[in-house]
Amino acid sequence: MSEKRAADEAAIAAVLVDSYTAWEAGDAGAMVADYTEDATAIMTGSLRNGREVIRQSMAAAFAGPLKGSSTDNKRLSLRFVGADAAIVVSESGILFAGETEVPDARKVNATWVLEKRDGRWLIAAYHNSPVLAPGH
């Protein structure tokens, strides 16, 4: 791997860690700090268009059902698409207060699309779906 790609990979990993850390802190603003203004997030039953919409929905979730939660994340792959785009696939899940493991039924496969804008890696899109399809 070239030094440039190694630096890009490290920068992308840092963006994701910052997002996970902000989740654990319940800080919706920090969580979307590395999202593009026109980012999209698709999660079961919802499409969130734009960084501000994503921030608002996460702030409401952190004040309600996700209060005190964190996430468990395992990167499965990272691949670059041209010079300024990358796709990360991860297995993730929400840990609620007192939990040390995510039950299999709550694990998701997530796709993160990142774009390098003005020398900075940002999340342009996020999508997740259950690891185990219902009924399988």
C-alpha atoms as a PDB file:
ATOM      1  CA  MET A   1       0.000   0.000   0.000  1.00  0.00           C
ATOM      2  CA  SER A   2       1.335   3.452  -0.847  1.00  0.00           C
ATOM      3  CA  GLU A   3       2.071   5.962   1.912  1.00  0.00           C
ATOM      4  CA  LYS A   4      -0.786   8.145   0.612  1.00  0.00           C
ATOM      5  CA  ARG A   5      -3.276   5.283   0.830  1.00  0.00           C
ATOM      6  CA  ALA A   6      -1.994   4.319   4.291  1.00  0.00           C
ATOM      7  CA  ALA A   7      -2.510   7.929   5.436  1.00  0.00           C
ATOM      8  CA  ASP A   8      -6.002   7.946   3.879  1.00  0.00           C
ATOM      9  CA  GLU A   9      -6.847   4.648   5.584  1.00  0.00           C
ATOM     10  CA  ALA A  10      -5.713   6.036   8.955  1.00  0.00           C
ATOM     11  CA  ALA A  11      -7.731   9.231   8.416  1.00  0.00           C
ATOM     12  CA  ILE A  12     -10.848   7.209   7.549  1.00  0.00           C
ATOM     13  CA  ALA A  13     -10.395   5.023  10.627  1.00  0.00           C
ATOM     14  CA  ALA A  14     -10.127   8.187  12.748  1.00  0.00           C
ATOM     15  CA  VAL A  15     -13.375   9.564  11.284  1.00  0.00           C
ATOM     16  CA  LEU A  16     -15.193   6.366  12.244  1.00  0.00           C
ATOM     17  CA  VAL A  17     -13.661   6.272  15.734  1.00  0.00           C
ATOM     18  CA  ASP A  18     -14.724   9.894  16.260  1.00  0.00           C
ATOM     19  CA  SER A  19     -18.285   8.950  15.295  1.00  0.00           C
ATOM     20  CA  TYR A  20     -18.317   5.967  17.680  1.00  0.00           C
ATOM     21  CA  THR A  21     -16.849   8.085  20.500  1.00  0.00           C
ATOM     22  CA  ALA A  22     -19.461  10.810  19.965  1.00  0.00           C
ATOM     23  CA  TRP A  23     -22.218   8.158  20.080  1.00  0.00           C
ATOM     24  CA  GLU A  24     -20.917   6.887  23.415  1.00  0.00           C
ATOM     25  CA  ALA A  25     -20.940  10.484  24.711  1.00  0.00           C
ATOM     26  CA  GLY A  26     -24.498  10.980  23.422  1.00  0.00           C
ATOM     27  CA  ASP A  27     -23.240  13.977  21.410  1.00  0.00           C
ATOM     28  CA  ALA A  28     -25.207  14.209  18.163  1.00  0.00           C
ATOM     29  CA  GLY A  29     -23.349  17.326  17.000  1.00  0.00           C
ATOM     30  CA  ALA A  30     -19.962  15.667  17.367  1.00  0.00           C
ATOM     31  CA  MET A  31     -21.320  12.512  15.788  1.00  0.00           C
ATOM     32  CA  VAL A  32     -22.162  14.292  12.531  1.00  0.00           C
ATOM     33  CA  ALA A  33     -19.157  16.653  12.563  1.00  0.00           C
ATOM     34  CA  ASP A  34     -17.472  14.478   9.936  1.00  0.00           C
ATOM     35  CA  TYR A  35     -20.579  14.114   7.742  1.00  0.00           C
ATOM     36  CA  THR A  36     -20.982  16.041   4.506  1.00  0.00           C
ATOM     37  CA  GLU A  37     -23.744  18.643   4.578  1.00  0.00           C
ATOM     38  CA  ASP A  38     -25.685  16.563   2.030  1.00  0.00           C
ATOM     39  CA  ALA A  39     -25.047  13.194   3.723  1.00  0.00           C
ATOM     40  CA  THR A  40     -27.708  10.487   3.808  1.00  0.00           C
ATOM     41  CA  ALA A  41     -28.325   7.841   6.437  1.00  0.00           C
ATOM     42  CA  ILE A  42     -30.583   4.863   5.831  1.00  0.00           C
ATOM     43  CA  MET A  43     -31.542   2.657   8.736  1.00  0.00           C
ATOM     44  CA  THR A  44     -34.414   0.236   9.074  1.00  0.00           C
ATOM     45  CA  GLY A  45     -37.567   2.192   8.352  1.00  0.00           C
ATOM     46  CA  SER A  46     -35.953   5.584   7.828  1.00  0.00           C
ATOM     47  CA  LEU A  47     -34.177   7.781   5.321  1.00  0.00           C
ATOM     48  CA  ARG A  48     -32.451  10.825   6.762  1.00  0.00           C
ATOM     49  CA  ASN A  49     -31.394  13.409   4.192  1.00  0.00           C
ATOM     50  CA  GLY A  50     -28.759  15.908   5.247  1.00  0.00           C
ATOM     51  CA  ARG A  51     -26.355  16.325   8.149  1.00  0.00           C
ATOM     52  CA  GLU A  52     -28.768  18.504  10.129  1.00  0.00           C
ATOM     53  CA  VAL A  53     -31.632  15.986   9.820  1.00  0.00           C
ATOM     54  CA  ILE A  54     -29.272  13.213  10.916  1.00  0.00           C
ATOM     55  CA  ARG A  55     -28.086  15.337  13.858  1.00  0.00           C
ATOM     56  CA  GLN A  56     -31.652  16.118  14.957  1.00  0.00           C
ATOM     57  CA  SER A  57     -32.763  12.494  14.799  1.00  0.00           C
ATOM     58  CA  MET A  58     -29.701  11.305  16.712  1.00  0.00           C
ATOM     59  CA  ALA A  59     -30.130  14.041  19.352  1.00  0.00           C
ATOM     60  CA  ALA A  60     -33.705  12.853  19.907  1.00  0.00           C
ATOM     61  CA  ALA A  61     -32.563   9.226  20.088  1.00  0.00           C
ATOM     62  CA  PHE A  62     -29.745  10.046  22.533  1.00  0.00           C
ATOM     63  CA  ALA A  63     -32.268  11.851  24.748  1.00  0.00           C
ATOM     64  CA  GLY A  64     -34.646   8.877  24.534  1.00  0.00           C
ATOM     65  CA  PRO A  65     -34.199   5.222  23.595  1.00  0.00           C
ATOM     66  CA  LEU A  66     -30.432   5.415  22.974  1.00  0.00           C
ATOM     67  CA  LYS A  67     -29.592   7.321  26.166  1.00  0.00           C
ATOM     68  CA  GLY A  68     -26.506   5.782  27.766  1.00  0.00           C
ATOM     69  CA  SER A  69     -25.837   3.432  24.848  1.00  0.00           C
ATOM     70  CA  SER A  70     -22.639   2.803  22.927  1.00  0.00           C
ATOM     71  CA  THR A  71     -21.766   0.789  19.863  1.00  0.00           C
ATOM     72  CA  ASP A  72     -19.625  -2.232  19.134  1.00  0.00           C
ATOM     73  CA  ASN A  73     -18.000  -2.045  15.700  1.00  0.00           C
ATOM     74  CA  LYS A  74     -15.787  -4.330  13.664  1.00  0.00           C
ATOM     75  CA  ARG A  75     -14.462  -3.179  10.309  1.00  0.00           C
ATOM     76  CA  LEU A  76     -14.845  -5.943   7.741  1.00  0.00           C
ATOM     77  CA  SER A  77     -13.381  -4.158   4.739  1.00  0.00           C
ATOM     78  CA  LEU A  78     -12.230  -0.869   3.262  1.00  0.00           C
ATOM     79  CA  ARG A  79     -11.765  -0.216  -0.409  1.00  0.00           C
ATOM     80  CA  PHE A  80     -10.958   2.925  -2.296  1.00  0.00           C
ATOM     81  CA  VAL A  81     -13.035   3.998  -5.276  1.00  0.00           C
ATOM     82  CA  GLY A  82     -10.822   6.353  -7.223  1.00  0.00           C
ATOM     83  CA  ALA A  83      -8.733   9.001  -5.501  1.00  0.00           C
ATOM     84  CA  ASP A  84     -11.408  10.629  -3.364  1.00  0.00           C
ATOM     85  CA  ALA A  85     -13.934   7.976  -2.334  1.00  0.00           C
ATOM     86  CA  ALA A  86     -13.908   4.943  -0.095  1.00  0.00           C
ATOM     87  CA  ILE A  87     -16.357   2.301   1.058  1.00  0.00           C
ATOM     88  CA  VAL A  88     -16.120   0.758   4.505  1.00  0.00           C
ATOM     89  CA  VAL A  89     -18.182  -2.282   5.491  1.00  0.00           C
ATOM     90  CA  SER A  90     -18.561  -3.025   9.178  1.00  0.00           C
ATOM     91  CA  GLU A  91     -20.481  -5.229  11.542  1.00  0.00           C
ATOM     92  CA  SER A  92     -21.998  -3.114  14.284  1.00  0.00           C
ATOM     93  CA  GLY A  93     -24.526  -3.164  17.041  1.00  0.00           C
ATOM     94  CA  ILE A  94     -25.887  -1.054  19.864  1.00  0.00           C
ATOM     95  CA  LEU A  95     -24.858  -1.823  23.427  1.00  0.00           C
ATOM     96  CA  PHE A  96     -27.419  -0.661  25.963  1.00  0.00           C
ATOM     97  CA  ALA A  97     -26.518   0.159  29.562  1.00  0.00           C
ATOM     98  CA  GLY A  98     -25.156  -2.909  31.346  1.00  0.00           C
ATOM     99  CA  GLU A  99     -24.552  -4.931  28.189  1.00  0.00           C
ATOM    100  CA  THR A 100     -21.111  -6.207  27.278  1.00  0.00           C
ATOM    101  CA  GLU A 101     -22.092  -8.007  24.053  1.00  0.00           C
ATOM    102  CA  VAL A 102     -24.507  -7.208  21.258  1.00  0.00           C
ATOM    103  CA  PRO A 103     -27.069  -9.989  20.807  1.00  0.00           C
ATOM    104  CA  ASP A 104     -26.893 -11.508  17.321  1.00  0.00           C
ATOM    105  CA  ALA A 105     -30.446 -10.344  16.578  1.00  0.00           C
ATOM    106  CA  ARG A 106     -29.323  -6.695  16.955  1.00  0.00           C
ATOM    107  CA  LYS A 107     -26.167  -6.886  14.839  1.00  0.00           C
ATOM    108  CA  VAL A 108     -26.135  -5.010  11.551  1.00  0.00           C
ATOM    109  CA  ASN A 109     -23.916  -4.886   8.519  1.00  0.00           C
ATOM    110  CA  ALA A 110     -23.192  -1.267   7.719  1.00  0.00           C
ATOM    111  CA  THR A 111     -21.887   0.462   4.627  1.00  0.00           C
ATOM    112  CA  TRP A 112     -20.106   3.777   5.014  1.00  0.00           C
ATOM    113  CA  VAL A 113     -19.351   5.837   1.900  1.00  0.00           C
ATOM    114  CA  LEU A 114     -16.660   8.427   2.484  1.00  0.00           C
ATOM    115  CA  GLU A 115     -15.543  11.242   0.243  1.00  0.00           C
ATOM    116  CA  LYS A 116     -12.388  13.321   0.436  1.00  0.00           C
ATOM    117  CA  ARG A 117     -13.344  16.991   0.194  1.00  0.00           C
ATOM    118  CA  ASP A 118     -10.741  19.734   0.467  1.00  0.00           C
ATOM    119  CA  GLY A 119      -8.235  17.202   1.810  1.00  0.00           C
ATOM    120  CA  ARG A 120     -10.569  15.930   4.542  1.00  0.00           C
ATOM    121  CA  TRP A 121     -12.349  12.561   4.643  1.00  0.00           C
ATOM    122  CA  LEU A 122     -16.087  12.918   5.367  1.00  0.00           C
ATOM    123  CA  ILE A 123     -19.006  10.506   5.603  1.00  0.00           C
ATOM    124  CA  ALA A 124     -21.260  11.022   2.586  1.00  0.00           C
ATOM    125  CA  ALA A 125     -23.630   8.098   3.168  1.00  0.00           C
ATOM    126  CA  TYR A 126     -24.391   5.432   5.731  1.00  0.00           C
ATOM    127  CA  HIS A 127     -26.686   2.427   5.444  1.00  0.00           C
ATOM    128  CA  ASN A 128     -27.261  -0.599   7.636  1.00  0.00           C
ATOM    129  CA  SER A 129     -29.344  -3.746   7.622  1.00  0.00           C
ATOM    130  CA  PRO A 130     -29.658  -6.701   9.984  1.00  0.00           C
ATOM    131  CA  VAL A 131     -26.914  -9.306   9.817  1.00  0.00           C
ATOM    132  CA  LEU A 132     -29.530 -12.017  10.097  1.00  0.00           C
ATOM    133  CA  ALA A 133     -32.500 -11.588   7.809  1.00  0.00           C
ATOM    134  CA  PRO A 134     -35.812 -12.081   9.616  1.00  0.00           C
ATOM    135  CA  GLY A 135     -36.939 -15.710   9.475  1.00  0.00           C
ATOM    136  CA  HIS A 136     -33.489 -17.061   8.536  1.00  0.00           C
END
